[in-house]
Amino acid sequence: MLEINPQDAKAYNERGIAKNGLKDYLGAIADFTKAIEINPRDAYIYFDNRAGVKIEMGDYRGVVFDTTKTIEINPNYTNAYERRGIAKQYLGDDRGACADYKKAVSLGDESAAQWLKSEGGTWCRNLQ
């Protein structure tokens, strides 16, 4: 597909997903970055996919950057709030993490809602 049209952002995205599945994290990041360069207008999904790879790599600051870009482009994309919450929690920003989890829930994210109701979400529910 890329040999036919090297300007196809969706093809880079799909290949990035495949590379992530193969644990070729740097290759996946390169493909998502290329997709962002080709199609910045619709890049929220590519930023979010790149954030998913960065979670796997433990690059939590990178996750916060990418999910924040996702939210700037599409403020209703719940997955970005949940991922950013995870990263903020790893970085020790519990208040920021909790705010992101709650925002995801307010936008209808069922997995964040289930987590918040669970024992794992107790700390967030009790945060003052």
Protein backbone atom coordinates (compact mmCIF):
# COMPACT_ATOMS: atom_id res chain seq x y z
CA MET A 1 0.00 0.00 0.00
CA LEU A 2 2.77 2.46 0.89
CA GLU A 3 4.63 1.59 -2.31
CA ILE A 4 1.52 2.61 -4.24
CA ASN A 5 0.87 5.82 -2.31
CA PRO A 6 3.56 7.00 0.12
CA GLN A 7 1.25 9.88 1.15
CA ASP A 8 -1.42 7.58 2.62
CA ALA A 9 -1.60 8.45 6.33
CA LYS A 10 -4.04 5.61 7.03
CA ALA A 11 -1.58 3.08 5.60
CA TYR A 12 1.16 4.36 7.90
CA ASN A 13 -1.29 4.16 10.80
CA GLU A 14 -2.20 0.55 9.99
CA ARG A 15 1.44 -0.42 9.62
CA GLY A 16 2.20 1.31 12.93
CA ILE A 17 -0.51 -0.75 14.61
CA ALA A 18 1.00 -3.92 13.13
CA LYS A 19 4.51 -2.96 14.23
CA ASN A 20 3.25 -2.24 17.75
CA GLY A 21 1.70 -5.70 17.83
CA LEU A 22 5.10 -7.13 16.89
CA LYS A 23 6.72 -5.05 19.67
CA ASP A 24 8.62 -2.98 17.08
CA TYR A 25 7.94 0.11 19.14
CA LEU A 26 10.39 2.44 17.43
CA GLY A 27 9.08 1.41 14.01
CA ALA A 28 5.51 1.98 15.17
CA ILE A 29 6.36 5.43 16.50
CA ALA A 30 8.04 6.31 13.20
CA ASP A 31 4.94 5.25 11.25
CA PHE A 32 2.52 7.15 13.50
CA THR A 33 4.78 10.22 13.29
CA LYS A 34 4.74 9.99 9.48
CA ALA A 35 0.93 9.73 9.51
CA ILE A 36 0.79 12.90 11.66
CA GLU A 37 3.05 14.73 9.19
CA ILE A 38 0.94 13.66 6.21
CA ASN A 39 -2.47 14.42 7.72
CA PRO A 40 -2.22 16.80 10.70
CA ARG A 41 -5.91 17.76 10.44
CA ASP A 42 -7.06 14.26 11.44
CA ALA A 43 -3.99 13.40 13.50
CA TYR A 44 -5.77 12.85 16.82
CA ILE A 45 -5.99 9.09 16.24
CA TYR A 46 -2.33 8.91 15.21
CA PHE A 47 -1.22 10.87 18.28
CA ASP A 48 -3.33 8.58 20.47
CA ASN A 49 -1.93 5.44 18.82
CA ARG A 50 1.59 6.78 19.31
CA ALA A 51 0.74 7.43 22.97
CA GLY A 52 -0.29 3.78 23.29
CA VAL A 53 3.14 2.70 22.09
CA LYS A 54 4.81 5.11 24.49
CA ILE A 55 2.86 3.57 27.38
CA GLU A 56 4.33 0.19 26.40
CA MET A 57 7.80 1.78 26.40
CA GLY A 58 7.33 3.54 29.74
CA ASP A 59 7.69 7.00 28.15
CA TYR A 60 5.01 8.62 30.29
CA ARG A 61 6.02 12.21 29.53
CA GLY A 62 5.69 11.35 25.85
CA VAL A 63 2.26 9.89 26.56
CA VAL A 64 1.16 13.12 28.24
CA PHE A 65 2.42 15.13 25.25
CA ASP A 66 0.71 12.94 22.65
CA THR A 67 -2.59 12.64 24.47
CA THR A 68 -2.67 16.38 25.10
CA LYS A 69 -2.24 16.90 21.34
CA THR A 70 -5.04 14.38 20.76
CA ILE A 71 -7.32 16.33 23.12
CA GLU A 72 -6.43 19.65 21.46
CA ILE A 73 -7.59 18.22 18.11
CA ASN A 74 -10.56 16.23 19.43
CA PRO A 75 -11.59 17.20 22.99
CA ASN A 76 -14.25 14.47 23.11
CA TYR A 77 -11.90 11.55 22.42
CA THR A 78 -12.23 9.66 25.70
CA ASN A 79 -9.37 7.23 25.16
CA ALA A 80 -6.88 10.10 25.30
CA TYR A 81 -8.09 11.19 28.75
CA GLU A 82 -7.82 7.65 30.07
CA ARG A 83 -4.32 7.17 28.65
CA ARG A 84 -3.19 10.55 29.91
CA GLY A 85 -4.56 9.67 33.34
CA ILE A 86 -2.51 6.48 33.37
CA ALA A 87 0.63 8.40 32.42
CA LYS A 88 0.03 11.13 35.00
CA GLN A 89 -0.46 8.50 37.67
CA TYR A 90 2.91 6.93 36.80
CA LEU A 91 4.47 10.40 36.93
CA GLY A 92 3.06 10.99 40.43
CA ASP A 93 0.41 13.53 39.40
CA ASP A 94 -2.52 11.85 41.16
CA ARG A 95 -4.78 14.91 41.01
CA GLY A 96 -4.20 15.34 37.29
CA ALA A 97 -4.70 11.62 36.72
CA CYS A 98 -7.95 11.59 38.65
CA ALA A 99 -9.22 14.65 36.76
CA ASP A 100 -8.49 12.90 33.46
CA TYR A 101 -10.20 9.67 34.54
CA LYS A 102 -13.27 11.64 35.64
CA LYS A 103 -13.30 13.59 32.37
CA ALA A 104 -13.23 10.31 30.43
CA VAL A 105 -16.18 9.09 32.49
CA SER A 106 -18.11 12.34 31.92
CA LEU A 107 -17.66 11.82 28.17
CA GLY A 108 -19.06 8.28 28.37
CA ASP A 109 -15.95 6.09 28.65
CA GLU A 110 -17.25 2.82 30.12
CA SER A 111 -13.85 1.29 30.95
CA ALA A 112 -12.85 4.40 32.93
CA ALA A 113 -16.23 4.33 34.69
CA GLN A 114 -15.78 0.68 35.64
CA TRP A 115 -12.26 1.34 36.89
CA LEU A 116 -13.39 4.35 38.93
CA LYS A 117 -16.07 2.20 40.61
CA SER A 118 -13.60 -0.61 41.31
CA GLU A 119 -11.26 -1.08 44.23
CA GLY A 120 -8.44 0.24 42.04
CA GLY A 121 -10.25 3.57 41.68
CA THR A 122 -10.83 4.05 45.42
CA TRP A 123 -7.91 6.46 45.77
CA CYS A 124 -9.36 8.67 43.03
CA ARG A 125 -12.88 8.63 44.47
CA ASN A 126 -11.48 9.62 47.87
CA LEU A 127 -9.13 12.33 46.58
CA GLN A 128 -9.99 15.75 48.03
